[in-house]
């Protein structure tokens, strides 16, 4: 399967999960830009449902994008492990750097750390909680990215019994 078709499959899967389990997630129409063992990039378009009264991205839509980038990478690592692990976010911190006035790209590069956390959860009866970092950025006309927000989410994993 080519990379473009794979991204489409991943995006459809994420949106279907959203509509079935978390309808608010699906309302901002996130798309998978990249998903690998180490990194996940999600794009949330700036549109009517994701804008605030100033025309920039609403902080709730930013929170959903951060949740998607970290959550999808964690779900992918759990799937790769073949084990039964439940996940939940226990804490959420955000620092808003600049008003995002265009589509926002959320990047989580914690795949290795999440893989280790999944292994630890599978080997333990306890819940394993670690922080994960997500950066939100807008694409500039020259193709570079400018950070608009930084997020720290506490990913909490536990082996299913």
Protein backbone atom coordinates (compact mmCIF):
# COMPACT_ATOMS: atom_id res chain seq x y z
CA UNK A 1 0.00 0.00 0.00
CA UNK A 2 1.43 3.40 -0.97
CA UNK A 3 2.06 6.11 1.62
CA UNK A 4 -0.82 8.28 0.41
CA UNK A 5 -3.31 5.40 0.56
CA UNK A 6 -1.97 4.40 3.98
CA UNK A 7 -2.47 7.97 5.32
CA UNK A 8 -6.02 7.97 3.92
CA UNK A 9 -6.72 4.63 5.64
CA UNK A 10 -5.32 5.98 8.93
CA UNK A 11 -7.35 9.20 8.64
CA UNK A 12 -10.58 7.30 7.91
CA UNK A 13 -9.88 4.98 10.85
CA UNK A 14 -9.25 7.89 13.22
CA UNK A 15 -12.39 9.74 12.08
CA UNK A 16 -14.52 6.58 12.33
CA UNK A 17 -13.21 6.02 15.86
CA UNK A 18 -14.14 9.64 16.57
CA UNK A 19 -17.68 9.35 15.25
CA UNK A 20 -18.27 6.09 17.13
CA UNK A 21 -16.52 6.85 20.43
CA UNK A 22 -15.73 10.58 20.67
CA UNK A 23 -17.96 12.61 18.31
CA UNK A 24 -16.38 15.91 19.37
CA UNK A 25 -13.03 14.64 18.00
CA UNK A 26 -14.55 14.01 14.59
CA UNK A 27 -16.13 17.48 14.48
CA UNK A 28 -12.75 19.18 13.83
CA UNK A 29 -11.91 16.79 10.94
CA UNK A 30 -8.35 15.79 11.89
CA UNK A 31 -6.18 14.19 9.20
CA UNK A 32 -3.13 11.95 9.53
CA UNK A 33 -0.14 13.56 7.82
CA UNK A 34 2.38 11.01 9.13
CA UNK A 35 2.30 7.99 11.42
CA UNK A 36 5.41 5.90 12.04
CA UNK A 37 6.85 3.99 14.98
CA UNK A 38 8.49 7.14 16.28
CA UNK A 39 6.34 10.05 15.16
CA UNK A 40 2.77 11.18 14.50
CA UNK A 41 1.68 14.36 12.72
CA UNK A 42 -1.99 15.36 12.67
CA UNK A 43 -3.48 18.31 10.78
CA UNK A 44 -6.56 20.12 12.03
CA UNK A 45 -7.96 22.53 9.46
CA UNK A 46 -9.00 26.03 10.45
CA UNK A 47 -12.68 26.10 9.55
CA UNK A 48 -15.99 27.20 11.00
CA UNK A 49 -16.13 24.43 13.62
CA UNK A 50 -12.57 25.00 14.85
CA UNK A 51 -12.49 28.83 14.93
CA UNK A 52 -13.00 31.14 17.87
CA UNK A 53 -14.63 34.58 17.79
CA UNK A 54 -11.30 36.17 16.69
CA UNK A 55 -10.93 33.94 13.62
CA UNK A 56 -8.05 31.88 15.03
CA UNK A 57 -8.20 28.25 16.14
CA UNK A 58 -10.25 27.74 19.29
CA UNK A 59 -8.27 26.31 22.21
CA UNK A 60 -10.66 23.35 22.40
CA UNK A 61 -9.79 22.40 18.81
CA UNK A 62 -6.10 22.74 19.71
CA UNK A 63 -6.64 20.37 22.64
CA UNK A 64 -8.33 17.85 20.32
CA UNK A 65 -5.38 18.03 17.90
CA UNK A 66 -2.89 17.38 20.71
CA UNK A 67 -5.04 14.49 21.97
CA UNK A 68 -5.16 12.97 18.48
CA UNK A 69 -1.40 13.22 17.86
CA UNK A 70 -0.44 11.68 21.20
CA UNK A 71 -3.34 9.24 21.38
CA UNK A 72 -2.91 7.88 17.86
CA UNK A 73 0.82 7.32 18.38
CA UNK A 74 0.08 5.51 21.67
CA UNK A 75 -2.69 3.41 20.11
CA UNK A 76 -0.35 2.48 17.25
CA UNK A 77 2.36 1.37 19.70
CA UNK A 78 -0.18 -0.69 21.67
CA UNK A 79 -1.36 -2.34 18.44
CA UNK A 80 2.26 -3.08 17.41
CA UNK A 81 2.90 -4.71 20.81
CA UNK A 82 0.06 -7.18 20.30
CA UNK A 83 -0.89 -6.79 23.95
CA UNK A 84 -4.03 -5.60 25.64
CA UNK A 85 -3.33 -2.19 27.14
CA UNK A 86 -5.85 0.51 28.02
CA UNK A 87 -4.89 4.15 27.74
CA UNK A 88 -6.10 7.35 29.27
CA UNK A 89 -4.70 10.85 29.64
CA UNK A 90 -4.42 11.84 33.31
CA UNK A 91 -3.21 15.42 32.95
CA UNK A 92 -3.05 18.09 30.27
CA UNK A 93 -0.93 21.23 30.16
CA UNK A 94 -0.81 23.78 27.38
CA UNK A 95 1.23 26.82 26.58
CA UNK A 96 -0.16 29.01 23.84
CA UNK A 97 2.59 30.91 22.01
CA UNK A 98 0.79 32.62 19.13
CA UNK A 99 -2.72 32.78 17.66
CA UNK A 100 -3.02 30.08 14.98
CA UNK A 101 -4.75 31.69 12.01
CA UNK A 102 -4.44 28.78 9.58
CA UNK A 103 -4.43 24.96 9.64
CA UNK A 104 -2.47 23.56 12.58
CA UNK A 105 -0.06 20.61 12.52
CA UNK A 106 0.37 18.64 15.76
CA UNK A 107 3.57 16.64 16.10
CA UNK A 108 4.39 14.02 18.70
CA UNK A 109 7.82 12.39 18.46
CA UNK A 110 7.57 10.19 21.56
CA UNK A 111 7.19 6.82 19.82
CA UNK A 112 10.27 5.20 21.41
CA UNK A 113 9.29 6.35 24.90
CA UNK A 114 5.70 5.17 24.38
CA UNK A 115 6.91 1.77 23.14
CA UNK A 116 8.95 1.40 26.34
CA UNK A 117 5.96 2.51 28.42
CA UNK A 118 3.73 -0.08 26.69
CA UNK A 119 6.29 -2.83 27.47
CA UNK A 120 6.44 -1.73 31.11
CA UNK A 121 2.63 -1.72 31.33
CA UNK A 122 2.45 -5.22 29.88
CA UNK A 123 4.96 -6.45 32.47
CA UNK A 124 3.20 -4.84 35.43
CA UNK A 125 -0.04 -4.94 37.35
CA UNK A 126 0.28 -1.19 37.96
CA UNK A 127 -0.73 1.80 35.86
CA UNK A 128 2.33 3.36 34.18
CA UNK A 129 2.08 7.14 33.71
CA UNK A 130 4.58 9.28 31.78
CA UNK A 131 4.45 12.74 30.22
CA UNK A 132 4.39 13.12 26.45
CA UNK A 133 5.05 16.29 24.51
CA UNK A 134 3.21 17.59 21.45
CA UNK A 135 4.04 20.69 19.46
CA UNK A 136 1.47 22.60 17.41
CA UNK A 137 2.65 24.68 14.47
CA UNK A 138 1.33 26.51 11.43
CA UNK A 139 2.87 26.23 7.99
CA UNK A 140 4.40 29.46 6.69
CA UNK A 141 4.33 30.49 3.00
CA UNK A 142 7.99 29.43 2.60
CA UNK A 143 7.11 25.88 3.75
CA UNK A 144 8.68 26.15 7.19
CA UNK A 145 6.69 25.75 10.40
CA UNK A 146 6.12 28.25 13.20
CA UNK A 147 5.21 26.91 16.67
CA UNK A 148 1.90 28.20 18.05
CA UNK A 149 1.46 25.98 21.12
CA UNK A 150 3.15 23.29 23.20
CA UNK A 151 1.36 20.56 25.11
CA UNK A 152 2.30 18.07 27.79
CA UNK A 153 -0.13 15.21 28.31
CA UNK A 154 0.33 12.51 30.91
CA UNK A 155 -0.23 9.20 29.16
CA UNK A 156 -1.38 6.52 31.57
CA UNK A 157 -1.28 2.88 30.46
CA UNK A 158 -2.45 -0.28 32.20
CA UNK A 159 -2.51 -3.89 31.11
CA UNK A 160 -6.03 -5.16 30.60
CA UNK A 161 -6.92 -8.08 32.85
